[in-house]
Amino acid sequence: QVQLVESGGGLVRPGGSLRLSCTASRNIFSLYAMGWYRQTPGKERELVATLALLNSGPVTIYPDSVKGRFTISADNAKNTVYLQMDNLKPEDKAVYFCNTKPATLSWGQGTQVSVSP
């Protein structure tokens, strides 16, 4: 079973930036589309970024809530997928996870992102 470990969360002010990392125990990015998800208490997990590494090039998809502010990327050599988050807003506060898209692996522990003045 592939293990996923997220890191990079923290507390930032509105308008700030964070870069999240998710390292897999083996390379899966060439096999599966990857996603970053977030969850807040009492709500279902929300997909906020998708990356598919196609032969024709990478394809990224974002919901309107984060489009233009979040960027997903991957480093195959490091078995790591990243989420660059800019212009963070209080509503971005959540625990962030990575997984395949659709999610088929066991969830990692996630990384907490808090946005507060």
N, C-alpha and C. Protein backbone atom coordinates (compact mmCIF):
# COMPACT_ATOMS: atom_id res chain seq x y z
N GLN A 1 0.85 -1.19 0.00
CA GLN A 1 0.00 0.00 0.00
C GLN A 1 0.89 1.24 0.00
N VAL A 2 0.54 2.19 -0.85
CA VAL A 2 1.29 3.44 -0.94
C VAL A 2 0.96 4.32 0.26
N GLN A 3 1.99 4.87 0.89
CA GLN A 3 1.81 5.79 2.00
C GLN A 3 1.96 7.22 1.49
N LEU A 4 1.11 8.10 2.00
CA LEU A 4 1.14 9.51 1.64
C LEU A 4 1.43 10.34 2.88
N VAL A 5 2.37 11.27 2.77
CA VAL A 5 2.72 12.12 3.90
C VAL A 5 2.66 13.58 3.45
N GLU A 6 1.74 14.33 4.06
CA GLU A 6 1.58 15.74 3.73
C GLU A 6 2.34 16.60 4.73
N SER A 7 2.82 17.75 4.27
CA SER A 7 3.51 18.69 5.14
C SER A 7 3.42 20.09 4.54
N GLY A 8 3.85 21.08 5.33
CA GLY A 8 3.93 22.44 4.83
C GLY A 8 2.85 23.37 5.31
N GLY A 9 1.89 22.86 6.05
CA GLY A 9 0.82 23.73 6.55
C GLY A 9 1.33 24.69 7.61
N GLY A 10 0.46 25.59 8.02
CA GLY A 10 0.82 26.54 9.05
C GLY A 10 -0.22 27.62 9.17
N LEU A 11 0.13 28.66 9.93
CA LEU A 11 -0.74 29.80 10.15
C LEU A 11 -0.21 30.98 9.35
N VAL A 12 -1.05 31.56 8.52
CA VAL A 12 -0.66 32.74 7.74
C VAL A 12 -1.76 33.78 7.83
N ARG A 13 -1.40 35.01 7.48
CA ARG A 13 -2.39 36.08 7.44
C ARG A 13 -3.10 36.06 6.09
N PRO A 14 -4.28 36.63 6.01
CA PRO A 14 -4.96 36.74 4.70
C PRO A 14 -4.05 37.42 3.69
N GLY A 15 -4.00 36.88 2.49
CA GLY A 15 -3.12 37.37 1.45
C GLY A 15 -1.77 36.67 1.42
N GLY A 16 -1.50 35.87 2.43
CA GLY A 16 -0.23 35.16 2.50
C GLY A 16 -0.18 33.93 1.62
N SER A 17 0.96 33.25 1.67
CA SER A 17 1.18 32.07 0.82
C SER A 17 1.73 30.92 1.64
N LEU A 18 1.44 29.72 1.16
CA LEU A 18 2.01 28.50 1.70
C LEU A 18 2.25 27.53 0.56
N ARG A 19 3.22 26.67 0.75
CA ARG A 19 3.48 25.61 -0.23
C ARG A 19 3.39 24.27 0.50
N LEU A 20 2.40 23.49 0.13
CA LEU A 20 2.22 22.18 0.72
C LEU A 20 2.94 21.13 -0.11
N SER A 21 3.41 20.09 0.57
CA SER A 21 4.07 18.96 -0.09
C SER A 21 3.39 17.67 0.30
N CYS A 22 3.37 16.74 -0.63
CA CYS A 22 2.85 15.41 -0.37
C CYS A 22 3.80 14.42 -1.00
N THR A 23 4.44 13.61 -0.16
CA THR A 23 5.40 12.63 -0.65
C THR A 23 4.80 11.23 -0.56
N ALA A 24 4.88 10.52 -1.67
CA ALA A 24 4.38 9.15 -1.73
C ALA A 24 5.54 8.17 -1.52
N SER A 25 5.23 7.01 -0.98
CA SER A 25 6.27 6.02 -0.68
C SER A 25 6.82 5.38 -1.95
N ARG A 26 6.13 5.55 -3.06
CA ARG A 26 6.68 5.15 -4.35
C ARG A 26 6.03 6.00 -5.43
N ASN A 27 6.63 5.97 -6.61
CA ASN A 27 6.14 6.84 -7.68
C ASN A 27 4.82 6.33 -8.23
N ILE A 28 3.82 7.20 -8.15
CA ILE A 28 2.50 6.86 -8.66
C ILE A 28 1.98 7.91 -9.62
N PHE A 29 2.71 9.02 -9.75
CA PHE A 29 2.18 10.15 -10.48
C PHE A 29 2.06 9.88 -11.97
N SER A 30 2.88 8.98 -12.47
CA SER A 30 2.79 8.65 -13.89
C SER A 30 1.67 7.66 -14.16
N LEU A 31 1.12 7.10 -13.08
CA LEU A 31 0.07 6.09 -13.22
C LEU A 31 -1.32 6.65 -12.95
N TYR A 32 -1.40 7.62 -12.04
CA TYR A 32 -2.69 8.12 -11.60
C TYR A 32 -2.72 9.63 -11.64
N ALA A 33 -3.90 10.18 -11.86
CA ALA A 33 -4.09 11.60 -11.61
C ALA A 33 -4.03 11.81 -10.09
N MET A 34 -3.49 12.94 -9.69
CA MET A 34 -3.36 13.26 -8.27
C MET A 34 -4.22 14.46 -7.92
N GLY A 35 -4.67 14.47 -6.70
CA GLY A 35 -5.50 15.58 -6.26
C GLY A 35 -5.10 16.06 -4.88
N TRP A 36 -5.32 17.34 -4.65
CA TRP A 36 -5.27 17.91 -3.30
C TRP A 36 -6.70 18.13 -2.87
N TYR A 37 -6.97 17.73 -1.63
CA TYR A 37 -8.31 17.85 -1.06
C TYR A 37 -8.19 18.63 0.24
N ARG A 38 -9.31 19.18 0.69
CA ARG A 38 -9.32 19.83 2.00
C ARG A 38 -10.62 19.51 2.71
N GLN A 39 -10.53 19.55 4.02
CA GLN A 39 -11.71 19.23 4.83
C GLN A 39 -11.76 20.13 6.05
N THR A 40 -12.96 20.62 6.34
CA THR A 40 -13.22 21.37 7.55
C THR A 40 -14.23 20.58 8.38
N PRO A 41 -14.25 20.80 9.69
CA PRO A 41 -15.15 20.04 10.56
C PRO A 41 -16.60 20.12 10.10
N GLY A 42 -17.24 18.99 10.03
CA GLY A 42 -18.66 18.96 9.68
C GLY A 42 -18.95 19.01 8.20
N LYS A 43 -17.90 19.09 7.39
CA LYS A 43 -18.11 19.16 5.94
C LYS A 43 -17.40 17.99 5.25
N GLU A 44 -17.87 17.68 4.06
CA GLU A 44 -17.22 16.64 3.27
C GLU A 44 -15.90 17.14 2.69
N ARG A 45 -15.04 16.19 2.42
CA ARG A 45 -13.76 16.54 1.82
C ARG A 45 -13.99 17.15 0.43
N GLU A 46 -13.27 18.23 0.14
CA GLU A 46 -13.43 18.98 -1.10
C GLU A 46 -12.18 18.88 -1.94
N LEU A 47 -12.34 18.58 -3.21
CA LEU A 47 -11.21 18.54 -4.14
C LEU A 47 -10.87 19.96 -4.56
N VAL A 48 -9.61 20.37 -4.38
CA VAL A 48 -9.22 21.74 -4.72
C VAL A 48 -8.21 21.83 -5.85
N ALA A 49 -7.62 20.72 -6.25
CA ALA A 49 -6.69 20.75 -7.37
C ALA A 49 -6.47 19.34 -7.89
N THR A 50 -6.35 19.23 -9.20
CA THR A 50 -6.10 17.94 -9.85
C THR A 50 -4.96 18.10 -10.83
N LEU A 51 -4.08 17.09 -10.87
CA LEU A 51 -2.98 17.08 -11.82
C LEU A 51 -2.93 15.72 -12.50
N ALA A 52 -2.97 15.75 -13.82
CA ALA A 52 -2.81 14.53 -14.60
C ALA A 52 -1.62 14.70 -15.52
N LEU A 53 -0.68 13.79 -15.44
CA LEU A 53 0.52 13.85 -16.27
C LEU A 53 0.28 13.00 -17.51
N LEU A 54 -0.20 13.64 -18.55
CA LEU A 54 -0.52 12.94 -19.78
C LEU A 54 0.69 12.97 -20.73
N ASN A 55 0.67 12.07 -21.71
CA ASN A 55 1.76 12.08 -22.70
C ASN A 55 1.85 13.42 -23.40
N SER A 56 0.73 14.08 -23.55
CA SER A 56 0.69 15.37 -24.25
C SER A 56 1.09 16.53 -23.35
N GLY A 57 1.29 16.24 -22.06
CA GLY A 57 1.68 17.28 -21.13
C GLY A 57 0.78 17.28 -19.91
N PRO A 58 1.15 18.05 -18.89
CA PRO A 58 0.36 18.06 -17.66
C PRO A 58 -0.96 18.80 -17.85
N VAL A 59 -1.98 18.29 -17.20
CA VAL A 59 -3.29 18.92 -17.20
C VAL A 59 -3.67 19.22 -15.75
N THR A 60 -4.06 20.44 -15.47
CA THR A 60 -4.47 20.82 -14.13
C THR A 60 -5.91 21.34 -14.15
N ILE A 61 -6.63 21.07 -13.08
CA ILE A 61 -8.03 21.49 -12.96
C ILE A 61 -8.24 22.03 -11.56
N TYR A 62 -8.94 23.15 -11.47
CA TYR A 62 -9.23 23.79 -10.19
C TYR A 62 -10.70 24.20 -10.13
N PRO A 63 -11.28 24.14 -8.95
CA PRO A 63 -12.63 24.72 -8.82
C PRO A 63 -12.52 26.23 -8.80
N ASP A 64 -13.62 26.90 -9.03
CA ASP A 64 -13.61 28.36 -9.09
C ASP A 64 -13.14 28.97 -7.77
N SER A 65 -13.38 28.27 -6.67
CA SER A 65 -13.05 28.83 -5.35
C SER A 65 -11.55 29.06 -5.17
N VAL A 66 -10.71 28.35 -5.92
CA VAL A 66 -9.25 28.51 -5.75
C VAL A 66 -8.54 28.86 -7.05
N LYS A 67 -9.27 28.87 -8.15
CA LYS A 67 -8.65 29.11 -9.46
C LYS A 67 -7.94 30.45 -9.47
N GLY A 68 -6.70 30.45 -9.96
CA GLY A 68 -5.92 31.67 -10.00
C GLY A 68 -5.12 31.91 -8.73
N ARG A 69 -5.39 31.13 -7.68
CA ARG A 69 -4.66 31.30 -6.41
C ARG A 69 -3.85 30.05 -6.05
N PHE A 70 -4.32 28.88 -6.44
CA PHE A 70 -3.64 27.62 -6.12
C PHE A 70 -3.01 27.04 -7.38
N THR A 71 -1.86 26.41 -7.20
CA THR A 71 -1.17 25.76 -8.31
C THR A 71 -0.66 24.41 -7.86
N ILE A 72 -1.04 23.36 -8.57
CA ILE A 72 -0.56 22.02 -8.27
C ILE A 72 0.55 21.65 -9.23
N SER A 73 1.57 20.97 -8.72
CA SER A 73 2.67 20.52 -9.55
C SER A 73 3.26 19.26 -8.93
N ALA A 74 4.17 18.63 -9.65
CA ALA A 74 4.76 17.38 -9.16
C ALA A 74 6.21 17.29 -9.55
N ASP A 75 6.98 16.61 -8.72
CA ASP A 75 8.37 16.28 -9.01
C ASP A 75 8.47 14.76 -8.95
N ASN A 76 8.48 14.14 -10.11
CA ASN A 76 8.50 12.68 -10.16
C ASN A 76 9.73 12.09 -9.49
N ALA A 77 10.85 12.76 -9.63
CA ALA A 77 12.10 12.24 -9.06
C ALA A 77 12.03 12.18 -7.54
N LYS A 78 11.22 13.03 -6.95
CA LYS A 78 11.09 13.07 -5.49
C LYS A 78 9.79 12.43 -5.00
N ASN A 79 9.02 11.86 -5.93
CA ASN A 79 7.73 11.25 -5.56
C ASN A 79 6.87 12.23 -4.78
N THR A 80 6.91 13.49 -5.16
CA THR A 80 6.25 14.54 -4.39
C THR A 80 5.35 15.38 -5.27
N VAL A 81 4.17 15.68 -4.77
CA VAL A 81 3.25 16.61 -5.41
C VAL A 81 3.10 17.82 -4.49
N TYR A 82 3.03 18.98 -5.09
CA TYR A 82 3.00 20.24 -4.34
C TYR A 82 1.68 20.97 -4.57
N LEU A 83 1.35 21.83 -3.63
CA LEU A 83 0.24 22.77 -3.81
C LEU A 83 0.73 24.13 -3.35
N GLN A 84 0.96 25.01 -4.31
CA GLN A 84 1.31 26.38 -4.00
C GLN A 84 0.02 27.16 -3.81
N MET A 85 -0.12 27.77 -2.66
CA MET A 85 -1.35 28.50 -2.34
C MET A 85 -0.99 29.96 -2.10
N ASP A 86 -1.49 30.83 -2.93
CA ASP A 86 -1.24 32.27 -2.83
C ASP A 86 -2.54 33.00 -2.52
N ASN A 87 -2.38 34.22 -2.03
CA ASN A 87 -3.55 35.06 -1.71
C ASN A 87 -4.57 34.28 -0.87
N LEU A 88 -4.07 33.68 0.19
CA LEU A 88 -4.94 32.85 1.01
C LEU A 88 -6.01 33.67 1.69
N LYS A 89 -7.18 33.04 1.84
CA LYS A 89 -8.33 33.69 2.46
C LYS A 89 -8.74 32.90 3.70
N PRO A 90 -9.46 33.54 4.62
CA PRO A 90 -9.89 32.81 5.83
C PRO A 90 -10.67 31.54 5.50
N GLU A 91 -11.41 31.55 4.40
CA GLU A 91 -12.19 30.36 4.06
C GLU A 91 -11.35 29.21 3.52
N ASP A 92 -10.05 29.44 3.33
CA ASP A 92 -9.15 28.36 2.93
C ASP A 92 -8.68 27.53 4.12
N LYS A 93 -9.04 27.97 5.31
CA LYS A 93 -8.65 27.24 6.51
C LYS A 93 -9.25 25.84 6.46
N ALA A 94 -8.38 24.83 6.60
CA ALA A 94 -8.82 23.43 6.52
C ALA A 94 -7.62 22.53 6.75
N VAL A 95 -7.88 21.25 6.86
CA VAL A 95 -6.83 20.25 6.81
C VAL A 95 -6.72 19.80 5.35
N TYR A 96 -5.52 19.83 4.83
CA TYR A 96 -5.29 19.52 3.42
C TYR A 96 -4.66 18.13 3.29
N PHE A 97 -5.17 17.38 2.32
CA PHE A 97 -4.71 16.02 2.05
C PHE A 97 -4.41 15.88 0.56
N CYS A 98 -3.57 14.93 0.25
CA CYS A 98 -3.43 14.53 -1.15
C CYS A 98 -3.87 13.08 -1.29
N ASN A 99 -4.22 12.73 -2.50
CA ASN A 99 -4.61 11.36 -2.82
C ASN A 99 -4.69 11.28 -4.33
N THR A 100 -4.94 10.10 -4.83
CA THR A 100 -5.21 9.99 -6.25
C THR A 100 -6.58 10.63 -6.52
N LYS A 101 -6.86 10.82 -7.78
CA LYS A 101 -8.14 11.40 -8.16
C LYS A 101 -8.76 10.49 -9.21
N PRO A 102 -9.83 9.74 -8.87
CA PRO A 102 -10.51 9.73 -7.59
C PRO A 102 -9.65 9.11 -6.49
N ALA A 103 -10.00 9.35 -5.26
CA ALA A 103 -9.20 8.91 -4.12
C ALA A 103 -9.33 7.40 -3.95
N THR A 104 -8.18 6.72 -4.06
CA THR A 104 -8.17 5.27 -3.94
C THR A 104 -7.21 4.76 -2.87
N LEU A 105 -6.37 5.64 -2.36
CA LEU A 105 -5.37 5.24 -1.38
C LEU A 105 -5.84 5.59 0.03
N SER A 106 -5.19 4.99 1.01
CA SER A 106 -5.47 5.38 2.40
C SER A 106 -5.06 6.83 2.60
N TRP A 107 -5.86 7.55 3.36
CA TRP A 107 -5.56 8.96 3.58
C TRP A 107 -4.39 9.12 4.54
N GLY A 108 -3.55 10.13 4.28
CA GLY A 108 -2.50 10.48 5.21
C GLY A 108 -3.07 11.27 6.37
N GLN A 109 -2.17 11.85 7.16
CA GLN A 109 -2.62 12.59 8.33
C GLN A 109 -3.05 14.00 7.99
N GLY A 110 -2.71 14.45 6.79
CA GLY A 110 -3.06 15.80 6.37
C GLY A 110 -2.15 16.84 7.00
N THR A 111 -2.32 18.07 6.55
CA THR A 111 -1.57 19.18 7.11
C THR A 111 -2.52 20.36 7.30
N GLN A 112 -2.46 20.98 8.47
CA GLN A 112 -3.42 22.03 8.84
C GLN A 112 -3.00 23.36 8.24
N VAL A 113 -3.93 24.03 7.61
CA VAL A 113 -3.73 25.39 7.11
C VAL A 113 -4.71 26.30 7.83
N SER A 114 -4.19 27.35 8.44
CA SER A 114 -5.03 28.33 9.12
C SER A 114 -4.73 29.70 8.55
N VAL A 115 -5.77 30.48 8.33
CA VAL A 115 -5.61 31.82 7.77
C VAL A 115 -6.35 32.78 8.69
N SER A 116 -5.58 33.65 9.34
CA SER A 116 -6.18 34.54 10.32
C SER A 116 -5.35 35.81 10.43
N PRO A 117 -6.01 36.96 10.65
CA PRO A 117 -5.26 38.21 10.78
C PRO A 117 -4.28 38.17 11.94
